[in-house]
């Protein structure tokens, strides 16, 4: 077992400082601005909250933005995920946002989705990409190492908001283009901080990937359109044949 895989298995997270090249960051940042400022993010959310009769996708999906599609299949990223999972894996979903100074926090939660075998040994990973890095001026990523090994419900600790928990680790100093990989079952929070005058927005993209071996529950009603768009664009470059395969998912079910 590699040292990275051993740490990830024990702690549930792995920090990859400066993983993303500057040339990719230069194209990602304006795409995030476009996504937020042109209302594309809002329309993406609306397509999930009020899906059409054919689970129609929004006008633009994140992976249809060229740099976002490139980030999703960034080869050094996928190589690390392959090492951590030691198995084929499939893309689950992509999310993009810009957190402005004074943005609120996000309470303690995890993002793990169930699979149809209820197999806790199958891993789901979230890749949290901080395009401008982290410097503690907009919000800090806080994790509880090892919490992925306990059967928490997603919002079991939400009533605690972002208060300090025993054994937590605060991640608030990363260079631009850094990525934090977390086991999706790991408890984590975005703790708000006081933003000084002139603080820059926090550009944030996350993508999730699931180990194959069961069928996973999708979180977007238009998930088939999303996978088809990725295949049409040949985003995997022929190197990752399971990455956009529909057979690894159950049907979409609206949250209760």
C-alpha atoms as a PDB file:
ATOM      1  CA  UNK A   1       0.000   0.000   0.000  1.00  0.00           C
ATOM      2  CA  UNK A   2       1.353   3.426  -0.927  1.00  0.00           C
ATOM      3  CA  UNK A   3       1.924   5.981   1.833  1.00  0.00           C
ATOM      4  CA  UNK A   4      -0.809   8.176   0.325  1.00  0.00           C
ATOM      5  CA  UNK A   5      -3.308   5.322   0.310  1.00  0.00           C
ATOM      6  CA  UNK A   6      -2.451   4.354   3.880  1.00  0.00           C
ATOM      7  CA  UNK A   7      -2.920   7.925   5.116  1.00  0.00           C
ATOM      8  CA  UNK A   8      -6.172   8.296   3.194  1.00  0.00           C
ATOM      9  CA  UNK A   9      -7.542   5.006   4.554  1.00  0.00           C
ATOM     10  CA  UNK A  10      -6.746   6.016   8.137  1.00  0.00           C
ATOM     11  CA  UNK A  11      -7.473   9.741   8.160  1.00  0.00           C
ATOM     12  CA  UNK A  12     -10.029   9.961   5.356  1.00  0.00           C
ATOM     13  CA  UNK A  13      -8.384  12.863   3.562  1.00  0.00           C
ATOM     14  CA  UNK A  14      -5.290  13.745   1.544  1.00  0.00           C
ATOM     15  CA  UNK A  15      -3.901  17.225   0.832  1.00  0.00           C
ATOM     16  CA  UNK A  16      -2.331  17.802  -2.600  1.00  0.00           C
ATOM     17  CA  UNK A  17      -0.767  21.298  -2.585  1.00  0.00           C
ATOM     18  CA  UNK A  18      -0.463  22.972  -5.985  1.00  0.00           C
ATOM     19  CA  UNK A  19      -1.778  19.981  -7.934  1.00  0.00           C
ATOM     20  CA  UNK A  20      -3.328  22.074 -10.712  1.00  0.00           C
ATOM     21  CA  UNK A  21      -1.109  23.895 -13.237  1.00  0.00           C
ATOM     22  CA  UNK A  22      -1.294  27.665 -13.587  1.00  0.00           C
ATOM     23  CA  UNK A  23      -2.409  27.446 -17.227  1.00  0.00           C
ATOM     24  CA  UNK A  24      -5.492  25.464 -16.200  1.00  0.00           C
ATOM     25  CA  UNK A  25      -6.255  27.817 -13.289  1.00  0.00           C
ATOM     26  CA  UNK A  26      -6.105  30.805 -15.657  1.00  0.00           C
ATOM     27  CA  UNK A  27      -8.954  29.278 -17.667  1.00  0.00           C
ATOM     28  CA  UNK A  28     -10.957  27.913 -14.733  1.00  0.00           C
ATOM     29  CA  UNK A  29     -11.368  31.186 -12.841  1.00  0.00           C
ATOM     30  CA  UNK A  30     -13.206  33.064 -15.642  1.00  0.00           C
ATOM     31  CA  UNK A  31     -15.367  29.974 -16.211  1.00  0.00           C
ATOM     32  CA  UNK A  32     -16.433  30.043 -12.554  1.00  0.00           C
ATOM     33  CA  UNK A  33     -17.226  33.750 -12.908  1.00  0.00           C
ATOM     34  CA  UNK A  34     -19.307  32.984 -16.004  1.00  0.00           C
ATOM     35  CA  UNK A  35     -21.035  30.107 -14.204  1.00  0.00           C
ATOM     36  CA  UNK A  36     -22.042  32.327 -11.285  1.00  0.00           C
ATOM     37  CA  UNK A  37     -22.592  35.733 -12.907  1.00  0.00           C
ATOM     38  CA  UNK A  38     -24.562  34.563 -15.954  1.00  0.00           C
ATOM     39  CA  UNK A  39     -27.018  32.587 -13.828  1.00  0.00           C
ATOM     40  CA  UNK A  40     -25.842  29.206 -15.085  1.00  0.00           C
ATOM     41  CA  UNK A  41     -25.334  27.932 -11.552  1.00  0.00           C
ATOM     42  CA  UNK A  42     -28.853  29.054 -10.569  1.00  0.00           C
ATOM     43  CA  UNK A  43     -30.351  27.311 -13.595  1.00  0.00           C
ATOM     44  CA  UNK A  44     -28.401  24.161 -12.789  1.00  0.00           C
ATOM     45  CA  UNK A  45     -29.856  24.163  -9.270  1.00  0.00           C
ATOM     46  CA  UNK A  46     -33.359  24.781 -10.660  1.00  0.00           C
ATOM     47  CA  UNK A  47     -33.004  21.788 -12.992  1.00  0.00           C
ATOM     48  CA  UNK A  48     -32.389  19.637  -9.910  1.00  0.00           C
ATOM     49  CA  UNK A  49     -35.149  21.118  -7.754  1.00  0.00           C
ATOM     50  CA  UNK A  50     -37.797  21.097 -10.484  1.00  0.00           C
ATOM     51  CA  UNK A  51     -36.778  18.451 -13.054  1.00  0.00           C
ATOM     52  CA  UNK A  52     -38.684  18.335 -16.322  1.00  0.00           C
ATOM     53  CA  UNK A  53     -40.635  15.324 -17.599  1.00  0.00           C
ATOM     54  CA  UNK A  54     -37.549  13.937 -19.320  1.00  0.00           C
ATOM     55  CA  UNK A  55     -35.120  15.022 -16.603  1.00  0.00           C
ATOM     56  CA  UNK A  56     -33.944  17.725 -18.967  1.00  0.00           C
ATOM     57  CA  UNK A  57     -30.499  19.157 -18.226  1.00  0.00           C
ATOM     58  CA  UNK A  58     -29.904  22.886 -17.710  1.00  0.00           C
ATOM     59  CA  UNK A  59     -28.753  24.942 -20.724  1.00  0.00           C
ATOM     60  CA  UNK A  60     -25.133  24.360 -19.724  1.00  0.00           C
ATOM     61  CA  UNK A  61     -23.638  21.719 -17.436  1.00  0.00           C
ATOM     62  CA  UNK A  62     -20.388  22.322 -15.587  1.00  0.00           C
ATOM     63  CA  UNK A  63     -18.442  19.691 -17.514  1.00  0.00           C
ATOM     64  CA  UNK A  64     -19.442  21.384 -20.789  1.00  0.00           C
ATOM     65  CA  UNK A  65     -17.248  24.328 -19.828  1.00  0.00           C
ATOM     66  CA  UNK A  66     -13.901  23.417 -21.445  1.00  0.00           C
ATOM     67  CA  UNK A  67     -11.594  23.992 -18.485  1.00  0.00           C
ATOM     68  CA  UNK A  68     -14.046  22.306 -16.087  1.00  0.00           C
ATOM     69  CA  UNK A  69     -14.119  19.260 -18.340  1.00  0.00           C
ATOM     70  CA  UNK A  70     -10.319  19.253 -18.357  1.00  0.00           C
ATOM     71  CA  UNK A  71     -10.215  19.545 -14.559  1.00  0.00           C
ATOM     72  CA  UNK A  72     -12.624  16.648 -14.191  1.00  0.00           C
ATOM     73  CA  UNK A  73     -10.217  14.341 -16.035  1.00  0.00           C
ATOM     74  CA  UNK A  74      -6.904  15.968 -15.064  1.00  0.00           C
ATOM     75  CA  UNK A  75      -4.551  13.024 -15.407  1.00  0.00           C
ATOM     76  CA  UNK A  76      -2.444  13.591 -12.242  1.00  0.00           C
ATOM     77  CA  UNK A  77      -5.682  13.820 -10.235  1.00  0.00           C
ATOM     78  CA  UNK A  78      -7.118  10.599 -11.668  1.00  0.00           C
ATOM     79  CA  UNK A  79      -3.841   8.778 -11.090  1.00  0.00           C
ATOM     80  CA  UNK A  80      -3.940   9.657  -7.385  1.00  0.00           C
ATOM     81  CA  UNK A  81      -7.589   8.599  -7.110  1.00  0.00           C
ATOM     82  CA  UNK A  82      -6.768   5.319  -8.848  1.00  0.00           C
ATOM     83  CA  UNK A  83      -4.051   4.683  -6.276  1.00  0.00           C
ATOM     84  CA  UNK A  84      -6.355   5.507  -3.349  1.00  0.00           C
ATOM     85  CA  UNK A  85      -9.163   3.265  -4.580  1.00  0.00           C
ATOM     86  CA  UNK A  86      -7.003   0.509  -6.045  1.00  0.00           C
ATOM     87  CA  UNK A  87      -9.948  -0.235  -8.353  1.00  0.00           C
ATOM     88  CA  UNK A  88     -11.815   1.224 -11.341  1.00  0.00           C
ATOM     89  CA  UNK A  89     -13.997   4.232 -10.534  1.00  0.00           C
ATOM     90  CA  UNK A  90     -16.809   6.254 -12.096  1.00  0.00           C
ATOM     91  CA  UNK A  91     -17.496   9.997 -12.146  1.00  0.00           C
ATOM     92  CA  UNK A  92     -20.466  10.988  -9.971  1.00  0.00           C
ATOM     93  CA  UNK A  93     -20.992  14.755 -10.236  1.00  0.00           C
ATOM     94  CA  UNK A  94     -19.316  18.157 -10.526  1.00  0.00           C
ATOM     95  CA  UNK A  95     -20.028  21.381  -8.630  1.00  0.00           C
ATOM     96  CA  UNK A  96     -18.611  24.870  -9.100  1.00  0.00           C
ATOM     97  CA  UNK A  97     -19.026  28.054  -7.061  1.00  0.00           C
ATOM     98  CA  UNK A  98     -17.454  31.320  -5.966  1.00  0.00           C
ATOM     99  CA  UNK A  99     -17.496  32.218  -2.278  1.00  0.00           C
ATOM    100  CA  UNK A 100     -17.311  35.977  -1.783  1.00  0.00           C
ATOM    101  CA  UNK A 101     -15.947  37.737   1.329  1.00  0.00           C
ATOM    102  CA  UNK A 102     -18.363  37.384   4.215  1.00  0.00           C
ATOM    103  CA  UNK A 103     -19.809  34.143   2.858  1.00  0.00           C
ATOM    104  CA  UNK A 104     -21.527  32.025   5.513  1.00  0.00           C
ATOM    105  CA  UNK A 105     -20.113  28.741   6.682  1.00  0.00           C
ATOM    106  CA  UNK A 106     -21.466  25.277   6.014  1.00  0.00           C
ATOM    107  CA  UNK A 107     -22.289  23.128   9.052  1.00  0.00           C
ATOM    108  CA  UNK A 108     -20.793  19.739   9.811  1.00  0.00           C
ATOM    109  CA  UNK A 109     -21.898  17.141   7.275  1.00  0.00           C
ATOM    110  CA  UNK A 110     -20.693  14.449   4.938  1.00  0.00           C
ATOM    111  CA  UNK A 111     -21.486  13.884   1.242  1.00  0.00           C
ATOM    112  CA  UNK A 112     -21.484  10.099   0.907  1.00  0.00           C
ATOM    113  CA  UNK A 113     -24.231   8.592  -1.260  1.00  0.00           C
ATOM    114  CA  UNK A 114     -25.525   5.024  -0.817  1.00  0.00           C
ATOM    115  CA  UNK A 115     -24.969   2.176  -3.244  1.00  0.00           C
ATOM    116  CA  UNK A 116     -27.362  -0.668  -3.959  1.00  0.00           C
ATOM    117  CA  UNK A 117     -25.212  -3.186  -2.074  1.00  0.00           C
ATOM    118  CA  UNK A 118     -25.050  -1.039   1.061  1.00  0.00           C
ATOM    119  CA  UNK A 119     -21.365  -1.877   0.979  1.00  0.00           C
ATOM    120  CA  UNK A 120     -19.430   0.510   3.261  1.00  0.00           C
ATOM    121  CA  UNK A 121     -16.177  -0.845   1.844  1.00  0.00           C
ATOM    122  CA  UNK A 122     -16.813   0.800  -1.517  1.00  0.00           C
ATOM    123  CA  UNK A 123     -15.277   4.261  -1.517  1.00  0.00           C
ATOM    124  CA  UNK A 124     -16.671   7.546  -2.766  1.00  0.00           C
ATOM    125  CA  UNK A 125     -14.173  10.410  -3.032  1.00  0.00           C
ATOM    126  CA  UNK A 126     -14.723  14.149  -3.284  1.00  0.00           C
ATOM    127  CA  UNK A 127     -11.945  16.204  -4.865  1.00  0.00           C
ATOM    128  CA  UNK A 128     -12.134  19.709  -3.384  1.00  0.00           C
ATOM    129  CA  UNK A 129     -10.262  22.104  -5.661  1.00  0.00           C
ATOM    130  CA  UNK A 130      -9.279  25.513  -4.266  1.00  0.00           C
ATOM    131  CA  UNK A 131      -8.298  27.473  -7.350  1.00  0.00           C
ATOM    132  CA  UNK A 132      -6.818  30.395  -5.439  1.00  0.00           C
ATOM    133  CA  UNK A 133      -5.675  28.293  -2.530  1.00  0.00           C
ATOM    134  CA  UNK A 134      -6.740  28.827   1.087  1.00  0.00           C
ATOM    135  CA  UNK A 135      -5.537  31.631   3.329  1.00  0.00           C
ATOM    136  CA  UNK A 136      -8.194  31.793   6.040  1.00  0.00           C
ATOM    137  CA  UNK A 137      -9.827  34.977   4.730  1.00  0.00           C
ATOM    138  CA  UNK A 138     -13.052  33.500   3.289  1.00  0.00           C
ATOM    139  CA  UNK A 139     -13.514  30.233   5.115  1.00  0.00           C
ATOM    140  CA  UNK A 140     -11.492  27.269   6.274  1.00  0.00           C
ATOM    141  CA  UNK A 141     -11.972  23.600   5.484  1.00  0.00           C
ATOM    142  CA  UNK A 142     -12.252  21.688   8.754  1.00  0.00           C
ATOM    143  CA  UNK A 143     -12.282  17.888   8.912  1.00  0.00           C
ATOM    144  CA  UNK A 144     -12.503  15.231  11.622  1.00  0.00           C
ATOM    145  CA  UNK A 145      -9.900  12.574  10.739  1.00  0.00           C
ATOM    146  CA  UNK A 146     -11.194   9.020  10.946  1.00  0.00           C
ATOM    147  CA  UNK A 147     -14.864  10.025  11.132  1.00  0.00           C
ATOM    148  CA  UNK A 148     -15.519   8.286   7.804  1.00  0.00           C
ATOM    149  CA  UNK A 149     -15.347   4.963   9.628  1.00  0.00           C
ATOM    150  CA  UNK A 150     -18.485   5.707  11.703  1.00  0.00           C
ATOM    151  CA  UNK A 151     -22.052   5.398  10.318  1.00  0.00           C
ATOM    152  CA  UNK A 152     -23.138   9.037  10.600  1.00  0.00           C
ATOM    153  CA  UNK A 153     -26.181  10.334   8.792  1.00  0.00           C
ATOM    154  CA  UNK A 154     -25.351  13.249   6.509  1.00  0.00           C
ATOM    155  CA  UNK A 155     -26.682  15.922   8.854  1.00  0.00           C
ATOM    156  CA  UNK A 156     -26.236  14.177  12.217  1.00  0.00           C
ATOM    157  CA  UNK A 157     -24.101  17.038  13.561  1.00  0.00           C
ATOM    158  CA  UNK A 158     -25.637  19.920  11.605  1.00  0.00           C
ATOM    159  CA  UNK A 159     -27.181  21.273  14.826  1.00  0.00           C
ATOM    160  CA  UNK A 160     -23.637  22.031  15.995  1.00  0.00           C
ATOM    161  CA  UNK A 161     -23.162  24.393  13.039  1.00  0.00           C
ATOM    162  CA  UNK A 162     -19.377  24.753  12.575  1.00  0.00           C
ATOM    163  CA  UNK A 163     -18.324  24.649  16.216  1.00  0.00           C
ATOM    164  CA  UNK A 164     -15.013  23.085  17.168  1.00  0.00           C
ATOM    165  CA  UNK A 165     -14.997  19.281  17.496  1.00  0.00           C
ATOM    166  CA  UNK A 166     -12.471  17.101  19.319  1.00  0.00           C
ATOM    167  CA  UNK A 167      -9.617  15.993  17.077  1.00  0.00           C
ATOM    168  CA  UNK A 168     -10.544  18.269  14.184  1.00  0.00           C
ATOM    169  CA  UNK A 169      -7.973  19.483  11.661  1.00  0.00           C
ATOM    170  CA  UNK A 170      -8.266  22.960  10.159  1.00  0.00           C
ATOM    171  CA  UNK A 171      -6.938  23.386   6.622  1.00  0.00           C
ATOM    172  CA  UNK A 172      -6.509  27.100   5.927  1.00  0.00           C
ATOM    173  CA  UNK A 173      -3.089  27.568   4.294  1.00  0.00           C
ATOM    174  CA  UNK A 174      -2.750  26.165   0.775  1.00  0.00           C
ATOM    175  CA  UNK A 175      -1.145  27.615  -2.384  1.00  0.00           C
ATOM    176  CA  UNK A 176      -3.212  28.256  -5.541  1.00  0.00           C
ATOM    177  CA  UNK A 177      -4.325  25.168  -7.428  1.00  0.00           C
ATOM    178  CA  UNK A 178      -4.433  22.935  -4.370  1.00  0.00           C
ATOM    179  CA  UNK A 179      -6.750  19.957  -4.003  1.00  0.00           C
ATOM    180  CA  UNK A 180      -7.973  18.147  -0.920  1.00  0.00           C
ATOM    181  CA  UNK A 181      -9.262  14.626  -1.504  1.00  0.00           C
ATOM    182  CA  UNK A 182     -11.704  13.431   1.132  1.00  0.00           C
ATOM    183  CA  UNK A 183     -13.522  10.181   1.660  1.00  0.00           C
ATOM    184  CA  UNK A 184     -17.066  11.394   1.038  1.00  0.00           C
ATOM    185  CA  UNK A 185     -18.168   9.884   4.372  1.00  0.00           C
ATOM    186  CA  UNK A 186     -15.732  12.136   6.278  1.00  0.00           C
ATOM    187  CA  UNK A 187     -17.292  14.783   8.518  1.00  0.00           C
ATOM    188  CA  UNK A 188     -16.257  18.226   7.341  1.00  0.00           C
ATOM    189  CA  UNK A 189     -17.367  21.845   7.508  1.00  0.00           C
ATOM    190  CA  UNK A 190     -16.626  25.248   6.021  1.00  0.00           C
ATOM    191  CA  UNK A 191     -15.942  27.470   8.996  1.00  0.00           C
ATOM    192  CA  UNK A 192     -16.589  31.161   8.315  1.00  0.00           C
ATOM    193  CA  UNK A 193     -13.910  33.714   9.074  1.00  0.00           C
ATOM    194  CA  UNK A 194     -13.839  37.491   9.212  1.00  0.00           C
ATOM    195  CA  UNK A 195     -12.704  38.712   5.808  1.00  0.00           C
ATOM    196  CA  UNK A 196     -10.278  41.661   5.904  1.00  0.00           C
ATOM    197  CA  UNK A 197     -10.748  44.602   3.507  1.00  0.00           C
ATOM    198  CA  UNK A 198      -9.667  43.662   0.007  1.00  0.00           C
ATOM    199  CA  UNK A 199     -10.100  39.901   0.547  1.00  0.00           C
ATOM    200  CA  UNK A 200     -10.387  37.996  -2.727  1.00  0.00           C
ATOM    201  CA  UNK A 201     -13.239  35.592  -3.533  1.00  0.00           C
ATOM    202  CA  UNK A 202     -12.650  31.898  -2.967  1.00  0.00           C
ATOM    203  CA  UNK A 203     -12.975  29.940  -6.210  1.00  0.00           C
ATOM    204  CA  UNK A 204     -14.102  26.419  -5.488  1.00  0.00           C
ATOM    205  CA  UNK A 205     -14.780  23.381  -7.682  1.00  0.00           C
ATOM    206  CA  UNK A 206     -15.442  19.892  -6.434  1.00  0.00           C
ATOM    207  CA  UNK A 207     -15.893  16.638  -8.279  1.00  0.00           C
ATOM    208  CA  UNK A 208     -16.797  13.231  -6.911  1.00  0.00           C
ATOM    209  CA  UNK A 209     -15.845   9.743  -8.032  1.00  0.00           C
ATOM    210  CA  UNK A 210     -17.096   6.317  -6.890  1.00  0.00           C
ATOM    211  CA  UNK A 211     -15.374   2.964  -6.755  1.00  0.00           C
ATOM    212  CA  UNK A 212     -17.083   0.445  -9.028  1.00  0.00           C
ATOM    213  CA  UNK A 213     -18.582  -2.784  -7.689  1.00  0.00           C
ATOM    214  CA  UNK A 214     -22.128  -1.589  -6.978  1.00  0.00           C
ATOM    215  CA  UNK A 215     -24.614   0.870  -8.421  1.00  0.00           C
ATOM    216  CA  UNK A 216     -24.527   4.320  -6.836  1.00  0.00           C
ATOM    217  CA  UNK A 217     -27.423   6.718  -6.298  1.00  0.00           C
ATOM    218  CA  UNK A 218     -27.139   9.801  -8.554  1.00  0.00           C
ATOM    219  CA  UNK A 219     -27.806  13.261  -7.121  1.00  0.00           C
ATOM    220  CA  UNK A 220     -28.792  15.025 -10.328  1.00  0.00           C
ATOM    221  CA  UNK A 221     -31.950  14.002 -12.222  1.00  0.00           C
ATOM    222  CA  UNK A 222     -30.202  14.667 -15.541  1.00  0.00           C
ATOM    223  CA  UNK A 223     -27.254  12.398 -14.700  1.00  0.00           C
ATOM    224  CA  UNK A 224     -27.614  10.414 -17.946  1.00  0.00           C
ATOM    225  CA  UNK A 225     -27.352  13.612 -19.999  1.00  0.00           C
ATOM    226  CA  UNK A 226     -24.257  14.532 -17.978  1.00  0.00           C
ATOM    227  CA  UNK A 227     -22.481  11.235 -18.616  1.00  0.00           C
ATOM    228  CA  UNK A 228     -23.475  11.275 -22.286  1.00  0.00           C
ATOM    229  CA  UNK A 229     -22.053  14.788 -22.694  1.00  0.00           C
ATOM    230  CA  UNK A 230     -18.763  13.625 -21.166  1.00  0.00           C
ATOM    231  CA  UNK A 231     -18.609  10.647 -23.532  1.00  0.00           C
ATOM    232  CA  UNK A 232     -19.481  12.811 -26.540  1.00  0.00           C
ATOM    233  CA  UNK A 233     -16.575  15.089 -25.668  1.00  0.00           C
ATOM    234  CA  UNK A 234     -14.242  12.126 -25.130  1.00  0.00           C
ATOM    235  CA  UNK A 235     -13.200  13.649 -21.817  1.00  0.00           C
ATOM    236  CA  UNK A 236     -11.561  10.431 -20.652  1.00  0.00           C
ATOM    237  CA  UNK A 237      -9.314  10.359 -23.734  1.00  0.00           C
ATOM    238  CA  UNK A 238      -9.853   6.597 -23.997  1.00  0.00           C
ATOM    239  CA  UNK A 239      -7.774   6.014 -20.835  1.00  0.00           C
ATOM    240  CA  UNK A 240     -10.524   5.510 -18.248  1.00  0.00           C
ATOM    241  CA  UNK A 241     -13.227   3.282 -19.774  1.00  0.00           C
ATOM    242  CA  UNK A 242     -15.434   3.123 -16.651  1.00  0.00           C
ATOM    243  CA  UNK A 243     -15.368   6.845 -15.876  1.00  0.00           C
ATOM    244  CA  UNK A 244     -18.629   7.781 -17.615  1.00  0.00           C
ATOM    245  CA  UNK A 245     -20.421   4.404 -17.784  1.00  0.00           C
ATOM    246  CA  UNK A 246     -24.140   4.516 -16.924  1.00  0.00           C
ATOM    247  CA  UNK A 247     -24.272   0.954 -15.600  1.00  0.00           C
ATOM    248  CA  UNK A 248     -22.732   2.038 -12.295  1.00  0.00           C
ATOM    249  CA  UNK A 249     -25.842   3.979 -11.212  1.00  0.00           C
ATOM    250  CA  UNK A 250     -29.353   3.338  -9.962  1.00  0.00           C
ATOM    251  CA  UNK A 251     -32.307   5.377 -11.136  1.00  0.00           C
ATOM    252  CA  UNK A 252     -32.616   8.881  -9.756  1.00  0.00           C
ATOM    253  CA  UNK A 253     -34.935   9.244  -6.769  1.00  0.00           C
ATOM    254  CA  UNK A 254     -35.983  12.648  -5.435  1.00  0.00           C
ATOM    255  CA  UNK A 255     -34.911  13.236  -1.812  1.00  0.00           C
ATOM    256  CA  UNK A 256     -37.689  12.625   0.691  1.00  0.00           C
END
